[in-house]
Amino acid sequence: MLIYMYNQTIIVKEVIKINVMSTLIVADDTTGANASGILLQKIGLKVFNQLKDVELKHSCDVVTVGTSSRAIESSLAYQKVIGALTKFEDYRFSVYNKRVDSTLRGNIGPELDAYFDYFKGQRKCIIVPSFPDSGRICNSGDLYVNDMLLENTEVAKDPKMPITSSNVKTLFEKNSKLKYDFFSISKLKNGNTNFRNEVSKVLEDCDALIIDAITNDDIDFIARNIVELGIDVICVDPGPFTQKVSSYNIIKSKLEQSNLFIIGSVVDTALMQLNYVNQLSNFDIIYVDASRFFEEDTSTFVEELMVKLNNSNKKNIVFATLDINNPQRLDLNAYAKKLNCSIDEVSDIINYGLARFANVALKDANKRIKNIYVSGGDVSIAFLNESKAEGLSLVHEILPLSVHSIIVGGINEGLNIITKGGTIGGTNTLEEIASYMEEI
């Protein structure tokens, strides 16, 4: 919840906690969860395999969970996947994966039905069952294991889960209600644009698309184009496809992400620094009329600021209580007399108003904020209090008295935060901090 002060009254507003992560992997067993998860660890993501049905308390990028559902009755397997997804309903992932065994054993169709139903059909399934490094490839719709058709391998003779077909579509359709289609390897040879156009067209009439892949380059091609399409999908594979999708999604997200600057200081140093970055093409300066925080209901003002934030296409978005076109300072004494309170209490109203807006901005789905910069000690502590932070893990001194930390605990756990005193730094300090942000 967010707490802020108006006219010496504590006002409490509930805020929905949304945690943004890279990838969720739901596998039918723990070893499969590990096998897919370790591929994401290799691209620099922090992976956590959750074994118990408890609230996620670990700071990570990727969550993997095993449902122990490979050899059970199909309707129960369906319910287990629904349950696994429901556990993470308060988390928003960039990539959703239904991990399948590399030899397509288990309840692959019913479990994919569960994933599809959980998202009410709003996510299409992209099935790339190949794992070339482990000798698994899909060619002409059939799965091969070390150059042998799946149905002819020892795996097919499993007494619990015998396999009588090598055709991927046939295996998924068993006990599944989804409509499947298939792309042969030839579809990958027609170029990026043609491939994307054909994928878009076929997904209009089916729920799940199976795509051949013989090499790692094939998987890379499919993943890159799926991410480029920008459609909501469920990645269905034994690991490599989801690894590539996650990697390309990180690159795409980084290009779309912005840095949020909150500047509550009104000293001349802050004005000098604002005037400098106002001339730079990658900065957008938005004036925050601090007097609006004294309104009885500030929600309308916060919404107005959010519109400006979401309409900005700049990499660095600055919200400042100093208007560089008319740098008049708010008369705090006048407000203190009007509200019959101290100047410190007046300052708190502004500081906590800025902090409340910053927290709303960080949870807003339309603008993904990578890092936050807060200038002014009082504003910084207000923001951290509003975030319910337990502390800061100090990382690096960017410039003298300008510190990079990571928030520990609270609703913004794991967020990069740069704090700086209002009177600190030279003319181009904000530019230097923005450059640093691009490297973290």
Protein backbone atom coordinates (compact mmCIF):
# COMPACT_ATOMS: atom_id res chain seq x y z
CA MET A 1 0.00 0.00 0.00
CA LEU A 2 1.04 3.63 -0.45
CA ILE A 3 0.95 6.07 2.47
CA TYR A 4 1.14 9.82 2.08
CA MET A 5 0.32 12.88 4.13
CA TYR A 6 -2.22 15.60 3.41
CA ASN A 7 -3.00 18.34 5.92
CA GLN A 8 -1.35 16.32 8.70
CA THR A 9 -3.61 13.36 7.91
CA ILE A 10 -2.19 9.98 6.95
CA ILE A 11 -3.92 8.70 3.82
CA VAL A 12 -3.59 5.05 2.87
CA LYS A 13 -4.25 3.70 -0.63
CA GLU A 14 -3.98 0.09 -1.67
CA VAL A 15 -1.68 -0.70 -4.58
CA ILE A 16 -1.71 -4.00 -6.49
CA LYS A 17 1.70 -5.63 -6.34
CA ILE A 18 2.89 -6.60 -9.79
CA ASN A 19 6.24 -8.32 -10.13
CA VAL A 20 7.80 -8.29 -13.58
CA MET A 21 10.14 -11.14 -14.48
CA SER A 22 11.68 -12.61 -17.58
CA THR A 23 10.41 -16.18 -17.93
CA LEU A 24 8.11 -18.73 -16.29
CA ILE A 25 8.80 -22.39 -17.05
CA VAL A 26 6.22 -25.03 -16.14
CA ALA A 27 7.63 -28.53 -16.58
CA ASP A 28 6.09 -31.92 -15.83
CA ASP A 29 8.97 -32.85 -13.53
CA THR A 30 11.75 -31.20 -11.56
CA THR A 31 14.60 -32.48 -13.74
CA GLY A 32 12.93 -30.99 -16.80
CA ALA A 33 12.50 -27.70 -14.96
CA ASN A 34 16.22 -27.73 -14.20
CA ALA A 35 17.18 -28.69 -17.76
CA SER A 36 15.32 -25.74 -19.26
CA GLY A 37 16.23 -23.37 -16.45
CA ILE A 38 19.96 -23.92 -16.78
CA LEU A 39 19.80 -22.80 -20.42
CA LEU A 40 18.50 -19.43 -19.26
CA GLN A 41 21.16 -19.23 -16.58
CA LYS A 42 23.69 -19.52 -19.41
CA ILE A 43 22.44 -16.24 -20.92
CA GLY A 44 22.91 -14.41 -17.62
CA LEU A 45 19.48 -14.75 -16.00
CA LYS A 46 18.98 -15.62 -12.34
CA VAL A 47 16.95 -18.84 -12.20
CA PHE A 48 15.01 -20.21 -9.24
CA ASN A 49 13.39 -23.65 -9.22
CA GLN A 50 10.50 -23.41 -6.78
CA LEU A 51 9.82 -26.72 -5.06
CA LYS A 52 7.22 -25.74 -2.45
CA ASP A 53 3.87 -24.06 -2.86
CA VAL A 54 4.75 -20.89 -0.98
CA GLU A 55 4.97 -17.20 -1.82
CA LEU A 56 7.98 -16.48 -4.00
CA LYS A 57 10.48 -14.58 -1.85
CA HIS A 58 13.63 -15.01 -3.87
CA SER A 59 14.93 -12.29 -6.18
CA CYS A 60 15.25 -13.86 -9.63
CA ASP A 61 14.57 -13.37 -13.33
CA VAL A 62 13.27 -16.84 -14.14
CA VAL A 63 11.01 -19.16 -12.17
CA THR A 64 10.82 -22.86 -12.99
CA VAL A 65 8.34 -25.24 -11.42
CA GLY A 66 7.80 -28.97 -11.82
CA THR A 67 4.25 -30.37 -11.57
CA SER A 68 5.14 -34.09 -11.19
CA SER A 69 2.45 -34.81 -13.77
CA ARG A 70 4.14 -36.84 -16.51
CA ALA A 71 2.75 -40.28 -15.67
CA ILE A 72 -0.58 -39.40 -14.01
CA GLU A 73 -4.11 -39.32 -15.39
CA SER A 74 -4.55 -36.58 -18.00
CA SER A 75 -7.33 -34.63 -16.24
CA LEU A 76 -5.24 -34.43 -13.07
CA ALA A 77 -2.23 -33.28 -15.09
CA TYR A 78 -4.42 -30.53 -16.56
CA GLN A 79 -5.40 -29.35 -13.07
CA LYS A 80 -1.80 -29.40 -11.84
CA VAL A 81 -0.71 -27.05 -14.63
CA ILE A 82 -3.63 -24.72 -13.90
CA GLY A 83 -2.59 -24.74 -10.24
CA ALA A 84 1.04 -23.97 -11.08
CA LEU A 85 0.03 -20.99 -13.22
CA THR A 86 -2.41 -19.70 -10.61
CA LYS A 87 0.40 -19.60 -8.04
CA PHE A 88 2.06 -16.89 -10.10
CA GLU A 89 -0.99 -14.83 -11.03
CA ASP A 90 0.46 -11.80 -9.23
CA TYR A 91 3.56 -11.94 -11.40
CA ARG A 92 3.89 -10.74 -14.99
CA PHE A 93 6.38 -12.64 -17.11
CA SER A 94 7.71 -11.59 -20.49
CA VAL A 95 7.98 -15.20 -21.68
CA TYR A 96 5.72 -18.13 -20.75
CA ASN A 97 6.97 -21.66 -21.38
CA LYS A 98 5.30 -25.06 -21.24
CA ARG A 99 8.28 -27.33 -21.02
CA VAL A 100 7.84 -30.70 -22.74
CA ASP A 101 10.04 -33.74 -22.51
CA SER A 102 12.60 -33.93 -25.32
CA THR A 103 11.07 -37.28 -26.38
CA LEU A 104 7.49 -35.98 -26.00
CA ARG A 105 6.49 -38.36 -23.22
CA GLY A 106 3.71 -37.56 -20.79
CA ASN A 107 0.48 -35.57 -20.94
CA ILE A 108 1.79 -33.05 -23.44
CA GLY A 109 -1.60 -32.31 -25.05
CA PRO A 110 -3.73 -31.94 -21.90
CA GLU A 111 -1.07 -29.87 -20.17
CA LEU A 112 -0.89 -27.53 -23.14
CA ASP A 113 -4.70 -27.31 -23.04
CA ALA A 114 -4.37 -26.11 -19.43
CA TYR A 115 -1.90 -23.40 -20.38
CA PHE A 116 -4.09 -22.30 -23.30
CA ASP A 117 -7.24 -22.26 -21.16
CA TYR A 118 -5.57 -20.37 -18.32
CA PHE A 119 -4.92 -17.49 -20.73
CA LYS A 120 -8.44 -17.85 -22.17
CA GLY A 121 -7.07 -18.50 -25.63
CA GLN A 122 -5.36 -15.12 -25.78
CA ARG A 123 -1.93 -16.69 -26.26
CA LYS A 124 -1.08 -18.87 -29.24
CA CYS A 125 1.16 -21.91 -28.79
CA ILE A 126 4.41 -22.14 -30.75
CA ILE A 127 5.79 -25.67 -30.57
CA VAL A 128 9.45 -26.22 -31.46
CA PRO A 129 10.24 -29.72 -30.12
CA SER A 130 13.86 -29.85 -31.29
CA PHE A 131 16.99 -29.96 -29.10
CA PRO A 132 19.82 -30.38 -31.65
CA ASP A 133 22.60 -30.46 -29.04
CA SER A 134 20.90 -33.52 -27.52
CA GLY A 135 20.27 -35.22 -30.86
CA ARG A 136 16.57 -34.29 -31.02
CA ILE A 137 15.35 -32.73 -34.27
CA CYS A 138 12.00 -32.26 -35.95
CA ASN A 139 11.92 -32.84 -39.71
CA SER A 140 8.80 -33.11 -41.87
CA GLY A 141 6.77 -33.10 -38.67
CA ASP A 142 8.47 -36.18 -37.21
CA LEU A 143 10.74 -36.24 -34.17
CA TYR A 144 14.11 -37.95 -34.54
CA VAL A 145 16.37 -39.01 -31.68
CA ASN A 146 20.00 -39.44 -32.76
CA ASP A 147 18.87 -39.82 -36.39
CA MET A 148 16.30 -42.49 -35.46
CA LEU A 149 12.54 -42.00 -35.61
CA LEU A 150 11.19 -41.60 -32.07
CA GLU A 151 8.88 -44.62 -32.34
CA ASN A 152 11.88 -46.88 -33.06
CA THR A 153 13.93 -45.82 -30.02
CA GLU A 154 14.20 -47.45 -26.60
CA VAL A 155 12.25 -44.51 -25.18
CA ALA A 156 9.18 -45.57 -27.17
CA LYS A 157 9.11 -48.85 -25.25
CA ASP A 158 8.62 -47.15 -21.87
CA PRO A 159 6.02 -49.37 -20.10
CA LYS A 160 4.39 -46.39 -18.37
CA MET A 161 4.30 -44.12 -21.42
CA PRO A 162 4.77 -46.13 -24.62
CA ILE A 163 5.08 -44.10 -27.83
CA THR A 164 3.64 -45.49 -31.05
CA SER A 165 4.18 -42.53 -33.36
CA SER A 166 6.98 -40.15 -34.29
CA ASN A 167 4.62 -37.51 -35.65
CA VAL A 168 4.65 -34.49 -33.35
CA LYS A 169 1.16 -33.34 -34.31
CA THR A 170 -0.29 -36.80 -33.59
CA LEU A 171 1.38 -36.93 -30.18
CA PHE A 172 0.10 -33.49 -29.14
CA GLU A 173 -3.42 -34.12 -30.42
CA LYS A 174 -3.87 -37.11 -28.11
CA ASN A 175 -6.41 -36.08 -25.42
CA SER A 176 -6.11 -32.44 -26.53
CA LYS A 177 -8.91 -30.18 -27.70
CA LEU A 178 -6.62 -27.61 -29.38
CA LYS A 179 -6.43 -27.14 -33.12
CA TYR A 180 -2.89 -27.80 -34.37
CA ASP A 181 -1.06 -26.94 -37.58
CA PHE A 182 2.43 -27.62 -38.87
CA PHE A 183 5.25 -25.78 -40.69
CA SER A 184 7.88 -27.79 -42.53
CA ILE A 185 11.53 -26.82 -42.65
CA SER A 186 10.94 -25.25 -46.07
CA LYS A 187 8.98 -22.42 -44.42
CA LEU A 188 12.23 -21.29 -42.79
CA LYS A 189 13.89 -20.82 -46.17
CA ASN A 190 11.53 -18.15 -47.47
CA GLY A 191 13.02 -15.23 -45.56
CA ASN A 192 12.04 -13.35 -42.40
CA THR A 193 9.15 -11.33 -43.79
CA ASN A 194 7.49 -14.23 -45.57
CA PHE A 195 7.89 -16.45 -42.51
CA ARG A 196 6.30 -13.87 -40.21
CA ASN A 197 3.43 -13.28 -42.64
CA GLU A 198 2.74 -17.00 -42.92
CA VAL A 199 2.88 -17.50 -39.14
CA SER A 200 0.39 -14.65 -38.62
CA LYS A 201 -1.95 -16.09 -41.22
CA VAL A 202 -1.95 -19.69 -39.98
CA LEU A 203 -2.43 -18.63 -36.34
CA GLU A 204 -5.73 -17.04 -37.32
CA ASP A 205 -7.17 -20.52 -37.79
CA CYS A 206 -5.33 -22.65 -35.23
CA ASP A 207 -4.37 -22.63 -31.56
CA ALA A 208 -0.94 -24.23 -31.80
CA LEU A 209 1.69 -24.23 -34.53
CA ILE A 210 4.37 -26.94 -34.70
CA ILE A 211 7.54 -25.87 -36.52
CA ASP A 212 10.35 -28.05 -37.87
CA ALA A 213 13.88 -27.32 -36.71
CA ILE A 214 17.00 -29.31 -37.57
CA THR A 215 19.78 -27.01 -36.37
CA ASN A 216 20.32 -24.39 -33.67
CA ASP A 217 20.28 -21.80 -36.44
CA ASP A 218 16.76 -22.92 -37.33
CA ILE A 219 15.65 -22.42 -33.74
CA ASP A 220 17.33 -19.01 -33.65
CA PHE A 221 15.50 -18.00 -36.84
CA ILE A 222 12.12 -19.07 -35.46
CA ALA A 223 12.65 -17.36 -32.09
CA ARG A 224 13.89 -14.10 -33.57
CA ASN A 225 10.90 -13.82 -35.89
CA ILE A 226 8.35 -14.80 -33.25
CA VAL A 227 9.67 -12.04 -30.97
CA GLU A 228 9.68 -9.60 -33.88
CA LEU A 229 6.02 -10.40 -34.56
CA GLY A 230 5.16 -9.09 -31.09
CA ILE A 231 2.32 -11.55 -30.48
CA ASP A 232 1.50 -13.17 -27.15
CA VAL A 233 2.63 -16.79 -27.27
CA ILE A 234 3.27 -19.84 -25.13
CA CYS A 235 6.66 -21.33 -25.95
CA VAL A 236 6.41 -25.12 -26.06
CA ASP A 237 9.73 -26.97 -26.25
CA PRO A 238 12.38 -28.85 -24.26
CA GLY A 239 14.48 -25.71 -23.71
CA PRO A 240 16.44 -24.22 -26.64
CA PHE A 241 13.54 -22.35 -28.25
CA THR A 242 12.55 -20.71 -24.97
CA GLN A 243 16.19 -19.80 -24.34
CA LYS A 244 16.38 -18.00 -27.69
CA VAL A 245 12.99 -16.29 -27.25
CA SER A 246 14.03 -15.08 -23.80
CA SER A 247 17.33 -13.78 -25.16
CA TYR A 248 15.71 -11.86 -28.03
CA ASN A 249 12.98 -10.60 -25.73
CA ILE A 250 15.61 -9.16 -23.38
CA ILE A 251 17.22 -7.31 -26.28
CA LYS A 252 13.85 -5.98 -27.45
CA SER A 253 12.78 -5.00 -23.94
CA LYS A 254 16.04 -3.16 -23.31
CA LEU A 255 15.44 -1.04 -26.39
CA GLU A 256 11.93 -0.23 -25.17
CA GLN A 257 12.81 0.42 -21.54
CA SER A 258 13.27 3.88 -20.08
CA ASN A 259 15.02 5.39 -17.10
CA LEU A 260 12.86 7.39 -14.70
CA PHE A 261 14.35 10.51 -13.11
CA ILE A 262 12.56 12.03 -10.09
CA ILE A 263 13.97 15.42 -9.15
CA GLY A 264 12.43 17.16 -6.17
CA SER A 265 15.33 19.51 -5.52
CA VAL A 266 14.79 23.16 -6.46
CA VAL A 267 18.34 24.44 -5.93
CA ASP A 268 20.31 26.20 -8.67
CA THR A 269 22.45 23.11 -9.26
CA ALA A 270 19.35 21.11 -10.20
CA LEU A 271 18.20 23.86 -12.55
CA MET A 272 21.63 23.95 -14.24
CA GLN A 273 21.59 20.19 -14.75
CA LEU A 274 18.03 20.25 -16.11
CA ASN A 275 18.83 23.02 -18.57
CA TYR A 276 21.76 21.00 -19.90
CA VAL A 277 19.88 17.75 -20.54
CA ASN A 278 16.95 19.67 -22.02
CA GLN A 279 19.18 20.13 -25.06
CA LEU A 280 19.80 16.39 -25.45
CA SER A 281 17.65 14.29 -27.78
CA ASN A 282 17.38 11.30 -25.43
CA PHE A 283 15.92 13.29 -22.52
CA ASP A 284 12.35 14.38 -21.93
CA ILE A 285 11.75 16.88 -19.09
CA ILE A 286 8.23 16.96 -17.65
CA TYR A 287 7.33 19.64 -15.14
CA VAL A 288 5.56 18.56 -11.94
CA ASP A 289 3.48 21.35 -10.45
CA ALA A 290 4.11 20.59 -6.77
CA SER A 291 1.11 22.69 -5.69
CA ARG A 292 -1.14 19.97 -7.13
CA PHE A 293 -0.03 17.63 -4.35
CA PHE A 294 -1.99 19.80 -1.92
CA GLU A 295 -5.28 18.97 -3.61
CA GLU A 296 -7.64 16.91 -1.47
CA ASP A 297 -7.61 14.10 -4.05
CA THR A 298 -4.32 13.85 -5.95
CA SER A 299 -5.32 10.83 -8.04
CA THR A 300 -6.33 13.00 -11.01
CA PHE A 301 -2.96 14.75 -10.99
CA VAL A 302 -1.11 11.44 -10.81
CA GLU A 303 -3.16 10.17 -13.77
CA GLU A 304 -2.24 13.29 -15.75
CA LEU A 305 1.45 12.67 -15.05
CA MET A 306 1.06 9.04 -16.10
CA VAL A 307 -0.40 10.11 -19.44
CA LYS A 308 2.66 12.26 -20.04
CA LEU A 309 4.93 9.39 -19.04
CA ASN A 310 3.23 6.90 -21.35
CA ASN A 311 3.24 9.38 -24.23
CA SER A 312 6.99 9.92 -23.96
CA ASN A 313 9.21 7.94 -26.31
CA LYS A 314 12.50 9.11 -24.83
CA LYS A 315 15.03 6.89 -23.12
CA ASN A 316 15.38 9.17 -20.09
CA ILE A 317 12.18 10.67 -18.70
CA VAL A 318 12.64 13.37 -16.08
CA PHE A 319 9.91 14.56 -13.70
CA ALA A 320 11.05 17.72 -11.93
CA THR A 321 9.38 20.17 -9.58
CA LEU A 322 11.40 22.95 -11.22
CA ASP A 323 9.96 24.48 -14.38
CA ILE A 324 12.99 25.31 -16.53
CA ASN A 325 10.89 27.81 -18.49
CA ASN A 326 9.70 29.59 -15.35
CA PRO A 327 11.92 28.56 -12.42
CA GLN A 328 9.83 29.98 -9.61
CA ARG A 329 10.06 28.19 -6.26
CA LEU A 330 6.92 27.25 -4.36
CA ASP A 331 6.33 29.44 -1.30
CA LEU A 332 6.43 26.79 1.42
CA ASN A 333 5.86 29.36 4.17
CA ALA A 334 2.56 30.37 2.60
CA TYR A 335 1.39 26.76 2.44
CA ALA A 336 2.53 26.14 6.01
CA LYS A 337 0.35 29.05 7.21
CA LYS A 338 -2.58 27.96 5.06
CA LEU A 339 -2.45 24.38 6.35
CA ASN A 340 -1.45 25.35 9.88
CA CYS A 341 1.57 23.10 9.88
CA SER A 342 5.35 23.32 9.74
CA ILE A 343 7.46 23.83 6.62
CA ASP A 344 8.86 20.32 7.10
CA GLU A 345 5.33 18.91 6.97
CA VAL A 346 4.65 20.89 3.79
CA SER A 347 7.81 19.45 2.26
CA ASP A 348 6.68 15.97 3.27
CA ILE A 349 3.44 16.41 1.34
CA ILE A 350 5.44 17.17 -1.81
CA ASN A 351 8.04 14.48 -1.21
CA TYR A 352 5.47 11.78 -0.61
CA GLY A 353 3.41 12.99 -3.53
CA LEU A 354 6.42 12.50 -5.80
CA ALA A 355 7.10 9.15 -4.18
CA ARG A 356 3.53 8.01 -4.74
CA PHE A 357 3.70 8.96 -8.40
CA ALA A 358 7.04 7.17 -8.82
CA ASN A 359 5.58 3.96 -7.42
CA VAL A 360 2.53 4.18 -9.66
CA ALA A 361 4.84 4.72 -12.62
CA LEU A 362 6.93 1.67 -11.74
CA LYS A 363 3.93 -0.67 -11.68
CA ASP A 364 2.27 0.74 -14.78
CA ALA A 365 2.18 -1.81 -17.61
CA ASN A 366 2.40 0.68 -20.44
CA LYS A 367 5.90 1.95 -19.66
CA ARG A 368 8.57 -0.43 -18.46
CA ILE A 369 11.04 1.37 -16.22
CA LYS A 370 14.49 -0.19 -16.03
CA ASN A 371 16.13 2.13 -13.48
CA ILE A 372 15.12 5.02 -11.27
CA TYR A 373 17.13 8.10 -10.30
CA VAL A 374 16.03 10.16 -7.31
CA SER A 375 17.55 13.53 -6.48
CA GLY A 376 17.18 15.05 -3.04
CA GLY A 377 17.58 13.23 0.26
CA ASP A 378 14.02 13.83 1.48
CA VAL A 379 12.50 12.64 -1.80
CA SER A 380 14.75 9.59 -1.78
CA ILE A 381 13.72 8.48 1.70
CA ALA A 382 10.07 9.15 0.91
CA PHE A 383 10.29 6.97 -2.19
CA LEU A 384 12.00 4.15 -0.27
CA ASN A 385 9.43 4.38 2.52
CA GLU A 386 6.59 4.22 0.00
CA SER A 387 8.28 1.22 -1.60
CA LYS A 388 8.40 -0.53 1.79
CA ALA A 389 12.10 -1.12 1.13
CA GLU A 390 13.99 -3.02 3.81
CA GLY A 391 17.32 -1.58 2.73
CA LEU A 392 19.73 -0.89 -0.10
CA SER A 393 22.49 -3.10 -1.43
CA LEU A 394 25.23 -0.66 -2.41
CA VAL A 395 26.82 -1.33 -5.79
CA HIS A 396 28.95 1.54 -7.06
CA GLU A 397 29.79 5.21 -6.64
CA ILE A 398 29.11 6.61 -10.11
CA LEU A 399 30.30 10.10 -9.25
CA PRO A 400 31.18 11.62 -5.88
CA LEU A 401 28.01 11.37 -3.73
CA SER A 402 26.06 9.74 -6.59
CA VAL A 403 25.46 6.11 -5.65
CA HIS A 404 24.02 3.10 -7.46
CA SER A 405 22.17 0.69 -5.20
CA ILE A 406 19.69 -2.17 -5.54
CA ILE A 407 16.48 -2.04 -3.51
CA VAL A 408 16.09 -4.90 -1.05
CA GLY A 409 12.57 -5.88 0.01
CA GLY A 410 9.27 -4.14 -0.61
CA ILE A 411 7.29 -3.70 -3.81
CA ASN A 412 10.33 -2.63 -5.86
CA GLU A 413 12.77 -5.31 -4.75
CA GLY A 414 15.67 -5.74 -7.17
CA LEU A 415 15.21 -2.32 -8.80
CA ASN A 416 18.31 -0.31 -9.66
CA ILE A 417 18.19 3.07 -7.91
CA ILE A 418 20.63 5.97 -8.24
CA THR A 419 20.48 8.56 -5.46
CA LYS A 420 22.14 11.98 -5.45
CA GLY A 421 21.96 15.07 -3.31
CA GLY A 422 20.34 18.07 -4.96
CA THR A 423 23.41 20.30 -4.69
CA ILE A 424 25.82 17.64 -5.98
CA GLY A 425 27.43 17.40 -9.41
CA GLY A 426 28.32 19.47 -12.42
CA THR A 427 26.47 20.59 -15.52
CA ASN A 428 26.45 17.21 -17.30
CA THR A 429 25.92 14.99 -14.25
CA LEU A 430 22.52 13.71 -15.41
CA GLU A 431 23.98 12.79 -18.80
CA GLU A 432 26.79 10.84 -17.13
CA ILE A 433 24.31 9.01 -14.89
CA ALA A 434 22.11 8.17 -17.88
CA SER A 435 25.14 6.72 -19.68
CA TYR A 436 25.92 4.62 -16.61
CA MET A 437 22.33 3.37 -16.50
CA GLU A 438 22.68 1.96 -19.99
CA GLU A 439 25.40 -0.38 -18.76
CA ILE A 440 23.49 -1.88 -15.81
